[in-house]
Structures are given as C-alpha cells and as structure tokens.
Amino acid sequence: MLNLILLVKKGAFGGYLDWADRAGRYRSLGDGQIDFKTIFSKLTQYGCDVWAVLEWECCIKSPEQGATEGAKIIQDLIINCTDKKFDDFAGGNTNNEDLRNILNI
C-alpha cells in the first residue's frame, strides 16, 4: 500500500523516477495540452514582434524528430500580420465630401 501511495504522489518532477515516468517531464512541441494556436494569435494581436524559438527537451522522442516536428508546428503557427484594416477591402482613399453627399448630410 505504501508503494502505491508513493507512485501517486510523485510530485512535479518525480524525484528519483526515470525521466519518462515523471509527471512534469518535458514534452515535444505539440505532444502536450498547451493551445499554442491561441498563444500565437494573442501575441500577434498585441503586436509582439519577436522570434519564435523552439527549446526542445524530451526524454522519449529523438532530437531529430523533435526538431523536425517542432519547426513545422512553429512554421504553421506563425501569423503574417496584415497591413490593412479589416474593413478596408477596397483600399481606396476616403473623400469626406463624397461621404457627406452619400449620407445626405
């Protein structure tokens, strides 16, 4: 019974367990439950203009596979910001007098 309790309460990094058995082990990008799509969207929305860097530390997956998959995920998540306003689909100049005439004011 004591062994069962120790396995359940292993803590974030699991103490003396092998890395693959630890609760808080590092996972390859995309293997966990973090919503990176929303994170990248919010960073873009708030004007964050920095590099996206992959720090890879996984005790299960090979470095080559982790790097290949991680780089693809980041490439797919990068958002190219538009330089136009959402409702500026026509891209023309605004003439205030024409707008007043259209609105009859």
PDB file of N, CA and C in Angstrom:
ATOM      1  N   MET A   1       0.825  -1.194   0.000  1.00  0.00           N
ATOM      2  CA  MET A   1       0.000   0.000   0.000  1.00  0.00           C
ATOM      3  C   MET A   1       0.866   1.253   0.000  1.00  0.00           C
ATOM      4  N   LEU A   2       1.944   1.238   0.708  1.00  0.00           N
ATOM      5  CA  LEU A   2       2.833   2.391   0.766  1.00  0.00           C
ATOM      6  C   LEU A   2       3.417   2.696  -0.609  1.00  0.00           C
ATOM      7  N   ASN A   3       3.800   1.659  -1.356  1.00  0.00           N
ATOM      8  CA  ASN A   3       4.349   1.878  -2.694  1.00  0.00           C
ATOM      9  C   ASN A   3       3.337   2.546  -3.613  1.00  0.00           C
ATOM     10  N   LEU A   4       2.093   2.159  -3.533  1.00  0.00           N
ATOM     11  CA  LEU A   4       1.044   2.737  -4.350  1.00  0.00           C
ATOM     12  C   LEU A   4       0.893   4.225  -4.049  1.00  0.00           C
ATOM     13  N   ILE A   5       0.924   4.591  -2.794  1.00  0.00           N
ATOM     14  CA  ILE A   5       0.800   5.993  -2.408  1.00  0.00           C
ATOM     15  C   ILE A   5       1.990   6.791  -2.924  1.00  0.00           C
ATOM     16  N   LEU A   6       3.167   6.250  -2.858  1.00  0.00           N
ATOM     17  CA  LEU A   6       4.351   6.948  -3.350  1.00  0.00           C
ATOM     18  C   LEU A   6       4.286   7.168  -4.857  1.00  0.00           C
ATOM     19  N   LEU A   7       3.738   6.228  -5.598  1.00  0.00           N
ATOM     20  CA  LEU A   7       3.627   6.393  -7.047  1.00  0.00           C
ATOM     21  C   LEU A   7       2.601   7.460  -7.410  1.00  0.00           C
ATOM     22  N   VAL A   8       1.536   7.540  -6.642  1.00  0.00           N
ATOM     23  CA  VAL A   8       0.509   8.537  -6.914  1.00  0.00           C
ATOM     24  C   VAL A   8       1.015   9.930  -6.564  1.00  0.00           C
ATOM     25  N   LYS A   9       1.780  10.049  -5.479  1.00  0.00           N
ATOM     26  CA  LYS A   9       2.284  11.345  -5.035  1.00  0.00           C
ATOM     27  C   LYS A   9       3.742  11.521  -5.434  1.00  0.00           C
ATOM     28  N   LYS A  10       4.000  11.484  -6.699  1.00  0.00           N
ATOM     29  CA  LYS A  10       5.393  11.579  -7.148  1.00  0.00           C
ATOM     30  C   LYS A  10       5.862  13.005  -7.365  1.00  0.00           C
ATOM     31  N   GLY A  11       4.987  13.989  -7.307  1.00  0.00           N
ATOM     32  CA  GLY A  11       5.392  15.378  -7.449  1.00  0.00           C
ATOM     33  C   GLY A  11       5.606  15.772  -8.901  1.00  0.00           C
ATOM     34  N   ALA A  12       5.924  17.037  -9.108  1.00  0.00           N
ATOM     35  CA  ALA A  12       6.048  17.565 -10.464  1.00  0.00           C
ATOM     36  C   ALA A  12       7.191  16.926 -11.243  1.00  0.00           C
ATOM     37  N   PHE A  13       8.332  16.752 -10.624  1.00  0.00           N
ATOM     38  CA  PHE A  13       9.471  16.195 -11.344  1.00  0.00           C
ATOM     39  C   PHE A  13       9.804  14.767 -10.920  1.00  0.00           C
ATOM     40  N   GLY A  14       9.039  14.186 -10.037  1.00  0.00           N
ATOM     41  CA  GLY A  14       9.112  12.760  -9.760  1.00  0.00           C
ATOM     42  C   GLY A  14      10.298  12.266  -8.974  1.00  0.00           C
ATOM     43  N   GLY A  15      11.125  13.130  -8.468  1.00  0.00           N
ATOM     44  CA  GLY A  15      12.234  12.687  -7.625  1.00  0.00           C
ATOM     45  C   GLY A  15      13.199  11.750  -8.318  1.00  0.00           C
ATOM     46  N   TYR A  16      13.173  10.479  -7.926  1.00  0.00           N
ATOM     47  CA  TYR A  16      14.161   9.521  -8.423  1.00  0.00           C
ATOM     48  C   TYR A  16      13.631   8.633  -9.551  1.00  0.00           C
ATOM     49  N   LEU A  17      12.456   8.941 -10.076  1.00  0.00           N
ATOM     50  CA  LEU A  17      11.910   8.145 -11.178  1.00  0.00           C
ATOM     51  C   LEU A  17      12.682   8.438 -12.465  1.00  0.00           C
ATOM     52  N   ASP A  18      12.646   7.505 -13.405  1.00  0.00           N
ATOM     53  CA  ASP A  18      13.215   7.771 -14.723  1.00  0.00           C
ATOM     54  C   ASP A  18      12.466   8.943 -15.356  1.00  0.00           C
ATOM     55  N   TRP A  19      13.126   9.679 -16.228  1.00  0.00           N
ATOM     56  CA  TRP A  19      12.524  10.870 -16.819  1.00  0.00           C
ATOM     57  C   TRP A  19      11.209  10.561 -17.534  1.00  0.00           C
ATOM     58  N   ALA A  20      11.118   9.437 -18.214  1.00  0.00           N
ATOM     59  CA  ALA A  20       9.904   9.095 -18.958  1.00  0.00           C
ATOM     60  C   ALA A  20       8.707   8.861 -18.039  1.00  0.00           C
ATOM     61  N   ASP A  21       8.953   8.551 -16.753  1.00  0.00           N
ATOM     62  CA  ASP A  21       7.881   8.269 -15.808  1.00  0.00           C
ATOM     63  C   ASP A  21       7.513   9.462 -14.933  1.00  0.00           C
ATOM     64  N   ARG A  22       8.189  10.566 -15.083  1.00  0.00           N
ATOM     65  CA  ARG A  22       7.935  11.720 -14.226  1.00  0.00           C
ATOM     66  C   ARG A  22       6.714  12.509 -14.714  1.00  0.00           C
ATOM     67  N   ALA A  23       5.963  13.008 -13.759  1.00  0.00           N
ATOM     68  CA  ALA A  23       4.743  13.757 -14.097  1.00  0.00           C
ATOM     69  C   ALA A  23       5.066  15.052 -14.837  1.00  0.00           C
ATOM     70  N   GLY A  24       6.139  15.706 -14.461  1.00  0.00           N
ATOM     71  CA  GLY A  24       6.471  17.006 -15.035  1.00  0.00           C
ATOM     72  C   GLY A  24       7.523  16.945 -16.114  1.00  0.00           C
ATOM     73  N   ARG A  25       7.635  15.807 -16.787  1.00  0.00           N
ATOM     74  CA  ARG A  25       8.683  15.702 -17.802  1.00  0.00           C
ATOM     75  C   ARG A  25       8.393  16.632 -18.974  1.00  0.00           C
ATOM     76  N   TYR A  26       9.446  17.054 -19.627  1.00  0.00           N
ATOM     77  CA  TYR A  26       9.301  17.910 -20.793  1.00  0.00           C
ATOM     78  C   TYR A  26       8.756  17.090 -21.952  1.00  0.00           C
ATOM     79  N   ARG A  27       7.933  17.731 -22.768  1.00  0.00           N
ATOM     80  CA  ARG A  27       7.356  17.064 -23.924  1.00  0.00           C
ATOM     81  C   ARG A  27       7.711  17.839 -25.181  1.00  0.00           C
ATOM     82  N   SER A  28       7.702  17.147 -26.296  1.00  0.00           N
ATOM     83  CA  SER A  28       7.948  17.810 -27.565  1.00  0.00           C
ATOM     84  C   SER A  28       6.777  18.719 -27.899  1.00  0.00           C
ATOM     85  N   LEU A  29       7.059  19.779 -28.619  1.00  0.00           N
ATOM     86  CA  LEU A  29       6.039  20.728 -29.042  1.00  0.00           C
ATOM     87  C   LEU A  29       4.935  19.991 -29.789  1.00  0.00           C
ATOM     88  N   GLY A  30       3.701  20.192 -29.371  1.00  0.00           N
ATOM     89  CA  GLY A  30       2.564  19.527 -30.000  1.00  0.00           C
ATOM     90  C   GLY A  30       2.129  18.262 -29.301  1.00  0.00           C
ATOM     91  N   ASP A  31       2.966  17.697 -28.413  1.00  0.00           N
ATOM     92  CA  ASP A  31       2.614  16.460 -27.706  1.00  0.00           C
ATOM     93  C   ASP A  31       1.849  16.733 -26.414  1.00  0.00           C
ATOM     94  N   GLY A  32       1.862  17.958 -25.941  1.00  0.00           N
ATOM     95  CA  GLY A  32       1.203  18.296 -24.691  1.00  0.00           C
ATOM     96  C   GLY A  32      -0.193  18.855 -24.914  1.00  0.00           C
ATOM     97  N   GLN A  33      -0.693  19.588 -23.935  1.00  0.00           N
ATOM     98  CA  GLN A  33      -2.052  20.110 -23.989  1.00  0.00           C
ATOM     99  C   GLN A  33      -2.105  21.630 -24.070  1.00  0.00           C
ATOM    100  N   ILE A  34      -1.017  22.275 -24.410  1.00  0.00           N
ATOM    101  CA  ILE A  34      -0.986  23.727 -24.481  1.00  0.00           C
ATOM    102  C   ILE A  34      -1.530  24.175 -25.828  1.00  0.00           C
ATOM    103  N   ASP A  35      -2.408  25.183 -25.815  1.00  0.00           N
ATOM    104  CA  ASP A  35      -3.043  25.701 -27.024  1.00  0.00           C
ATOM    105  C   ASP A  35      -2.143  26.769 -27.653  1.00  0.00           C
ATOM    106  N   PHE A  36      -1.127  26.326 -28.385  1.00  0.00           N
ATOM    107  CA  PHE A  36      -0.177  27.258 -28.985  1.00  0.00           C
ATOM    108  C   PHE A  36      -0.812  28.126 -30.066  1.00  0.00           C
ATOM    109  N   LYS A  37      -1.854  27.634 -30.731  1.00  0.00           N
ATOM    110  CA  LYS A  37      -2.524  28.422 -31.767  1.00  0.00           C
ATOM    111  C   LYS A  37      -3.089  29.710 -31.167  1.00  0.00           C
ATOM    112  N   THR A  38      -3.733  29.610 -30.011  1.00  0.00           N
ATOM    113  CA  THR A  38      -4.275  30.785 -29.340  1.00  0.00           C
ATOM    114  C   THR A  38      -3.158  31.691 -28.842  1.00  0.00           C
ATOM    115  N   ILE A  39      -2.092  31.103 -28.334  1.00  0.00           N
ATOM    116  CA  ILE A  39      -0.966  31.905 -27.844  1.00  0.00           C
ATOM    117  C   ILE A  39      -0.368  32.731 -28.975  1.00  0.00           C
ATOM    118  N   PHE A  40      -0.114  32.111 -30.127  1.00  0.00           N
ATOM    119  CA  PHE A  40       0.442  32.846 -31.263  1.00  0.00           C
ATOM    120  C   PHE A  40      -0.529  33.915 -31.756  1.00  0.00           C
ATOM    121  N   SER A  41      -1.831  33.615 -31.747  1.00  0.00           N
ATOM    122  CA  SER A  41      -2.833  34.610 -32.166  1.00  0.00           C
ATOM    123  C   SER A  41      -2.810  35.826 -31.246  1.00  0.00           C
ATOM    124  N   LYS A  42      -2.764  35.578 -29.933  1.00  0.00           N
ATOM    125  CA  LYS A  42      -2.745  36.681 -28.968  1.00  0.00           C
ATOM    126  C   LYS A  42      -1.455  37.491 -29.071  1.00  0.00           C
ATOM    127  N   LEU A  43      -0.334  36.822 -29.235  1.00  0.00           N
ATOM    128  CA  LEU A  43       0.928  37.556 -29.382  1.00  0.00           C
ATOM    129  C   LEU A  43       0.883  38.466 -30.602  1.00  0.00           C
ATOM    130  N   THR A  44       0.315  37.974 -31.700  1.00  0.00           N
ATOM    131  CA  THR A  44       0.188  38.789 -32.904  1.00  0.00           C
ATOM    132  C   THR A  44      -0.794  39.930 -32.675  1.00  0.00           C
ATOM    133  N   GLN A  45      -1.924  39.636 -32.044  1.00  0.00           N
ATOM    134  CA  GLN A  45      -2.946  40.647 -31.769  1.00  0.00           C
ATOM    135  C   GLN A  45      -2.382  41.806 -30.966  1.00  0.00           C
ATOM    136  N   TYR A  46      -1.503  41.511 -30.010  1.00  0.00           N
ATOM    137  CA  TYR A  46      -0.950  42.546 -29.150  1.00  0.00           C
ATOM    138  C   TYR A  46       0.355  43.142 -29.678  1.00  0.00           C
ATOM    139  N   GLY A  47       0.696  42.827 -30.930  1.00  0.00           N
ATOM    140  CA  GLY A  47       1.830  43.471 -31.576  1.00  0.00           C
ATOM    141  C   GLY A  47       3.193  42.920 -31.193  1.00  0.00           C
ATOM    142  N   CYS A  48       3.261  41.722 -30.681  1.00  0.00           N
ATOM    143  CA  CYS A  48       4.534  41.112 -30.308  1.00  0.00           C
ATOM    144  C   CYS A  48       5.304  40.749 -31.577  1.00  0.00           C
ATOM    145  N   ASP A  49       6.472  41.308 -31.742  1.00  0.00           N
ATOM    146  CA  ASP A  49       7.266  41.093 -32.946  1.00  0.00           C
ATOM    147  C   ASP A  49       8.648  40.574 -32.552  1.00  0.00           C
ATOM    148  N   VAL A  50       8.690  39.326 -32.114  1.00  0.00           N
ATOM    149  CA  VAL A  50       9.938  38.711 -31.689  1.00  0.00           C
ATOM    150  C   VAL A  50      10.093  37.351 -32.368  1.00  0.00           C
ATOM    151  N   TRP A  51      11.225  36.749 -32.196  1.00  0.00           N
ATOM    152  CA  TRP A  51      11.485  35.427 -32.764  1.00  0.00           C
ATOM    153  C   TRP A  51      10.709  34.358 -32.004  1.00  0.00           C
ATOM    154  N   ALA A  52      10.274  33.341 -32.712  1.00  0.00           N
ATOM    155  CA  ALA A  52       9.707  32.149 -32.074  1.00  0.00           C
ATOM    156  C   ALA A  52      10.817  31.103 -32.045  1.00  0.00           C
ATOM    157  N   VAL A  53      11.248  30.713 -30.842  1.00  0.00           N
ATOM    158  CA  VAL A  53      12.374  29.802 -30.685  1.00  0.00           C
ATOM    159  C   VAL A  53      11.891  28.510 -30.039  1.00  0.00           C
ATOM    160  N   LEU A  54      12.321  27.396 -30.568  1.00  0.00           N
ATOM    161  CA  LEU A  54      11.965  26.092 -30.028  1.00  0.00           C
ATOM    162  C   LEU A  54      13.084  25.603 -29.115  1.00  0.00           C
ATOM    163  N   GLU A  55      12.757  25.425 -27.835  1.00  0.00           N
ATOM    164  CA  GLU A  55      13.699  24.794 -26.908  1.00  0.00           C
ATOM    165  C   GLU A  55      13.201  23.374 -26.711  1.00  0.00           C
ATOM    166  N   TRP A  56      13.928  22.427 -27.195  1.00  0.00           N
ATOM    167  CA  TRP A  56      13.461  21.050 -27.213  1.00  0.00           C
ATOM    168  C   TRP A  56      14.162  20.229 -26.147  1.00  0.00           C
ATOM    169  N   GLU A  57      13.378  19.631 -25.246  1.00  0.00           N
ATOM    170  CA  GLU A  57      13.904  18.734 -24.217  1.00  0.00           C
ATOM    171  C   GLU A  57      12.884  17.629 -24.007  1.00  0.00           C
ATOM    172  N   CYS A  58      13.072  16.503 -24.632  1.00  0.00           N
ATOM    173  CA  CYS A  58      12.144  15.385 -24.485  1.00  0.00           C
ATOM    174  C   CYS A  58      12.972  14.118 -24.297  1.00  0.00           C
ATOM    175  N   CYS A  59      12.621  13.350 -23.282  1.00  0.00           N
ATOM    176  CA  CYS A  59      13.408  12.148 -22.985  1.00  0.00           C
ATOM    177  C   CYS A  59      12.923  10.934 -23.772  1.00  0.00           C
ATOM    178  N   ILE A  60      11.872  11.088 -24.554  1.00  0.00           N
ATOM    179  CA  ILE A  60      11.329   9.954 -25.305  1.00  0.00           C
ATOM    180  C   ILE A  60      11.644  10.067 -26.795  1.00  0.00           C
ATOM    181  N   LYS A  61      11.365  11.210 -27.365  1.00  0.00           N
ATOM    182  CA  LYS A  61      11.489  11.406 -28.813  1.00  0.00           C
ATOM    183  C   LYS A  61      12.930  11.757 -29.192  1.00  0.00           C
ATOM    184  N   SER A  62      13.368  11.300 -30.346  1.00  0.00           N
ATOM    185  CA  SER A  62      14.726  11.609 -30.798  1.00  0.00           C
ATOM    186  C   SER A  62      14.842  13.106 -31.093  1.00  0.00           C
ATOM    187  N   PRO A  63      16.040  13.677 -30.921  1.00  0.00           N
ATOM    188  CA  PRO A  63      16.227  15.100 -31.204  1.00  0.00           C
ATOM    189  C   PRO A  63      15.879  15.468 -32.648  1.00  0.00           C
ATOM    190  N   GLU A  64      16.209  14.596 -33.578  1.00  0.00           N
ATOM    191  CA  GLU A  64      15.937  14.887 -34.996  1.00  0.00           C
ATOM    192  C   GLU A  64      14.430  14.972 -35.257  1.00  0.00           C
ATOM    193  N   GLN A  65      13.682  14.012 -34.723  1.00  0.00           N
ATOM    194  CA  GLN A  65      12.238  14.030 -34.919  1.00  0.00           C
ATOM    195  C   GLN A  65      11.603  15.212 -34.186  1.00  0.00           C
ATOM    196  N   GLY A  66      12.044  15.467 -32.950  1.00  0.00           N
ATOM    197  CA  GLY A  66      11.511  16.588 -32.181  1.00  0.00           C
ATOM    198  C   GLY A  66      11.750  17.918 -32.875  1.00  0.00           C
ATOM    199  N   ALA A  67      12.956  18.109 -33.412  1.00  0.00           N
ATOM    200  CA  ALA A  67      13.279  19.362 -34.100  1.00  0.00           C
ATOM    201  C   ALA A  67      12.473  19.504 -35.387  1.00  0.00           C
ATOM    202  N   THR A  68      12.361  18.421 -36.144  1.00  0.00           N
ATOM    203  CA  THR A  68      11.619  18.459 -37.403  1.00  0.00           C
ATOM    204  C   THR A  68      10.149  18.779 -37.160  1.00  0.00           C
ATOM    205  N   GLU A  69       9.530  18.074 -36.218  1.00  0.00           N
ATOM    206  CA  GLU A  69       8.118  18.309 -35.913  1.00  0.00           C
ATOM    207  C   GLU A  69       7.901  19.690 -35.295  1.00  0.00           C
ATOM    208  N   GLY A  70       8.772  20.080 -34.372  1.00  0.00           N
ATOM    209  CA  GLY A  70       8.634  21.375 -33.706  1.00  0.00           C
ATOM    210  C   GLY A  70       8.763  22.542 -34.665  1.00  0.00           C
ATOM    211  N   ALA A  71       9.734  22.459 -35.576  1.00  0.00           N
ATOM    212  CA  ALA A  71       9.923  23.534 -36.560  1.00  0.00           C
ATOM    213  C   ALA A  71       8.694  23.663 -37.456  1.00  0.00           C
ATOM    214  N   LYS A  72       8.102  22.541 -37.845  1.00  0.00           N
ATOM    215  CA  LYS A  72       6.902  22.570 -38.698  1.00  0.00           C
ATOM    216  C   LYS A  72       5.731  23.192 -37.947  1.00  0.00           C
ATOM    217  N   ILE A  73       5.572  22.830 -36.681  1.00  0.00           N
ATOM    218  CA  ILE A  73       4.467  23.398 -35.889  1.00  0.00           C
ATOM    219  C   ILE A  73       4.614  24.908 -35.779  1.00  0.00           C
ATOM    220  N   ILE A  74       5.827  25.379 -35.472  1.00  0.00           N
ATOM    221  CA  ILE A  74       6.054  26.820 -35.367  1.00  0.00           C
ATOM    222  C   ILE A  74       5.795  27.496 -36.708  1.00  0.00           C
ATOM    223  N   GLN A  75       6.280  26.902 -37.784  1.00  0.00           N
ATOM    224  CA  GLN A  75       6.058  27.484 -39.119  1.00  0.00           C
ATOM    225  C   GLN A  75       4.565  27.584 -39.417  1.00  0.00           C
ATOM    226  N   ASP A  76       3.793  26.580 -39.034  1.00  0.00           N
ATOM    227  CA  ASP A  76       2.353  26.597 -39.274  1.00  0.00           C
ATOM    228  C   ASP A  76       1.622  27.598 -38.381  1.00  0.00           C
ATOM    229  N   LEU A  77       2.180  27.921 -37.211  1.00  0.00           N
ATOM    230  CA  LEU A  77       1.519  28.814 -36.268  1.00  0.00           C
ATOM    231  C   LEU A  77       1.866  30.288 -36.472  1.00  0.00           C
ATOM    232  N   ILE A  78       2.974  30.573 -37.132  1.00  0.00           N
ATOM    233  CA  ILE A  78       3.377  31.963 -37.347  1.00  0.00           C
ATOM    234  C   ILE A  78       2.300  32.671 -38.150  1.00  0.00           C
ATOM    235  N   ILE A  79       1.915  33.858 -37.710  1.00  0.00           N
ATOM    236  CA  ILE A  79       0.864  34.628 -38.366  1.00  0.00           C
ATOM    237  C   ILE A  79       1.503  35.832 -39.049  1.00  0.00           C
ATOM    238  N   ASN A  80       1.283  35.950 -40.340  1.00  0.00           N
ATOM    239  CA  ASN A  80       1.739  37.126 -41.075  1.00  0.00           C
ATOM    240  C   ASN A  80       0.675  38.210 -40.932  1.00  0.00           C
ATOM    241  N   CYS A  81       1.024  39.268 -40.211  1.00  0.00           N
ATOM    242  CA  CYS A  81       0.079  40.348 -39.933  1.00  0.00           C
ATOM    243  C   CYS A  81      -0.275  41.099 -41.205  1.00  0.00           C
ATOM    244  N   THR A  82      -1.524  41.467 -41.293  1.00  0.00           N
ATOM    245  CA  THR A  82      -1.954  42.304 -42.404  1.00  0.00           C
ATOM    246  C   THR A  82      -1.559  43.747 -42.128  1.00  0.00           C
ATOM    247  N   ASP A  83      -1.348  44.500 -43.177  1.00  0.00           N
ATOM    248  CA  ASP A  83      -1.020  45.914 -43.013  1.00  0.00           C
ATOM    249  C   ASP A  83      -2.238  46.785 -43.320  1.00  0.00           C
ATOM    250  N   LYS A  84      -3.421  46.152 -43.457  1.00  0.00           N
ATOM    251  CA  LYS A  84      -4.650  46.882 -43.765  1.00  0.00           C
ATOM    252  C   LYS A  84      -5.654  46.677 -42.636  1.00  0.00           C
ATOM    253  N   LYS A  85      -6.576  47.617 -42.522  1.00  0.00           N
ATOM    254  CA  LYS A  85      -7.684  47.480 -41.583  1.00  0.00           C
ATOM    255  C   LYS A  85      -8.637  46.423 -42.122  1.00  0.00           C
ATOM    256  N   PHE A  86      -9.361  45.770 -41.229  1.00  0.00           N
ATOM    257  CA  PHE A  86     -10.275  44.697 -41.614  1.00  0.00           C
ATOM    258  C   PHE A  86     -11.297  45.147 -42.648  1.00  0.00           C
ATOM    259  N   ASP A  87     -11.859  46.357 -42.468  1.00  0.00           N
ATOM    260  CA  ASP A  87     -12.915  46.816 -43.354  1.00  0.00           C
ATOM    261  C   ASP A  87     -12.399  47.658 -44.518  1.00  0.00           C
ATOM    262  N   ASP A  88     -11.100  47.668 -44.735  1.00  0.00           N
ATOM    263  CA  ASP A  88     -10.521  48.410 -45.858  1.00  0.00           C
ATOM    264  C   ASP A  88     -10.292  47.463 -47.038  1.00  0.00           C
ATOM    265  N   PHE A  89     -11.362  46.823 -47.466  1.00  0.00           N
ATOM    266  CA  PHE A  89     -11.237  45.838 -48.531  1.00  0.00           C
ATOM    267  C   PHE A  89     -11.031  46.484 -49.896  1.00  0.00           C
ATOM    268  N   ALA A  90     -11.491  47.720 -50.062  1.00  0.00           N
ATOM    269  CA  ALA A  90     -11.360  48.376 -51.362  1.00  0.00           C
ATOM    270  C   ALA A  90      -9.991  49.035 -51.521  1.00  0.00           C
ATOM    271  N   GLY A  91      -9.398  49.463 -50.416  1.00  0.00           N
ATOM    272  CA  GLY A  91      -8.060  50.045 -50.459  1.00  0.00           C
ATOM    273  C   GLY A  91      -8.002  51.436 -51.060  1.00  0.00           C
ATOM    274  N   GLY A  92      -9.129  52.093 -51.189  1.00  0.00           N
ATOM    275  CA  GLY A  92      -9.135  53.427 -51.789  1.00  0.00           C
ATOM    276  C   GLY A  92      -8.980  54.528 -50.779  1.00  0.00           C
ATOM    277  N   ASN A  93      -8.804  55.742 -51.296  1.00  0.00           N
ATOM    278  CA  ASN A  93      -8.720  56.915 -50.428  1.00  0.00           C
ATOM    279  C   ASN A  93     -10.123  57.362 -50.041  1.00  0.00           C
ATOM    280  N   THR A  94     -10.249  57.952 -48.861  1.00  0.00           N
ATOM    281  CA  THR A  94     -11.533  58.431 -48.380  1.00  0.00           C
ATOM    282  C   THR A  94     -11.673  59.907 -48.706  1.00  0.00           C
ATOM    283  N   ASN A  95     -12.791  60.245 -49.330  1.00  0.00           N
ATOM    284  CA  ASN A  95     -13.090  61.632 -49.637  1.00  0.00           C
ATOM    285  C   ASN A  95     -14.275  62.040 -48.768  1.00  0.00           C
ATOM    286  N   ASN A  96     -14.023  62.912 -47.799  1.00  0.00           N
ATOM    287  CA  ASN A  96     -15.062  63.301 -46.844  1.00  0.00           C
ATOM    288  C   ASN A  96     -16.269  63.959 -47.513  1.00  0.00           C
ATOM    289  N   GLU A  97     -16.053  64.750 -48.550  1.00  0.00           N
ATOM    290  CA  GLU A  97     -17.178  65.396 -49.240  1.00  0.00           C
ATOM    291  C   GLU A  97     -18.060  64.354 -49.926  1.00  0.00           C
ATOM    292  N   ASP A  98     -17.449  63.356 -50.560  1.00  0.00           N
ATOM    293  CA  ASP A  98     -18.232  62.280 -51.177  1.00  0.00           C
ATOM    294  C   ASP A  98     -19.043  61.523 -50.120  1.00  0.00           C
ATOM    295  N   LEU A  99     -18.438  61.264 -48.954  1.00  0.00           N
ATOM    296  CA  LEU A  99     -19.152  60.575 -47.883  1.00  0.00           C
ATOM    297  C   LEU A  99     -20.361  61.391 -47.406  1.00  0.00           C
ATOM    298  N   ARG A 100     -20.191  62.706 -47.261  1.00  0.00           N
ATOM    299  CA  ARG A 100     -21.304  63.570 -46.840  1.00  0.00           C
ATOM    300  C   ARG A 100     -22.434  63.527 -47.883  1.00  0.00           C
ATOM    301  N   ASN A 101     -22.065  63.563 -49.153  1.00  0.00           N
ATOM    302  CA  ASN A 101     -23.081  63.513 -50.219  1.00  0.00           C
ATOM    303  C   ASN A 101     -23.817  62.179 -50.201  1.00  0.00           C
ATOM    304  N   ILE A 102     -23.101  61.090 -50.009  1.00  0.00           N
ATOM    305  CA  ILE A 102     -23.738  59.764 -49.969  1.00  0.00           C
ATOM    306  C   ILE A 102     -24.706  59.676 -48.801  1.00  0.00           C
ATOM    307  N   LEU A 103     -24.319  60.231 -47.647  1.00  0.00           N
ATOM    308  CA  LEU A 103     -25.156  60.198 -46.449  1.00  0.00           C
ATOM    309  C   LEU A 103     -26.184  61.329 -46.403  1.00  0.00           C
ATOM    310  N   ASN A 104     -26.114  62.212 -47.389  1.00  0.00           N
ATOM    311  CA  ASN A 104     -27.040  63.339 -47.491  1.00  0.00           C
ATOM    312  C   ASN A 104     -26.995  64.222 -46.243  1.00  0.00           C
ATOM    313  N   ILE A 105     -25.759  64.540 -45.810  1.00  0.00           N
ATOM    314  CA  ILE A 105     -25.618  65.430 -44.643  1.00  0.00           C
ATOM    315  C   ILE A 105     -24.781  66.648 -45.002  1.00  0.00           C
TER     316      ILE A 105
END
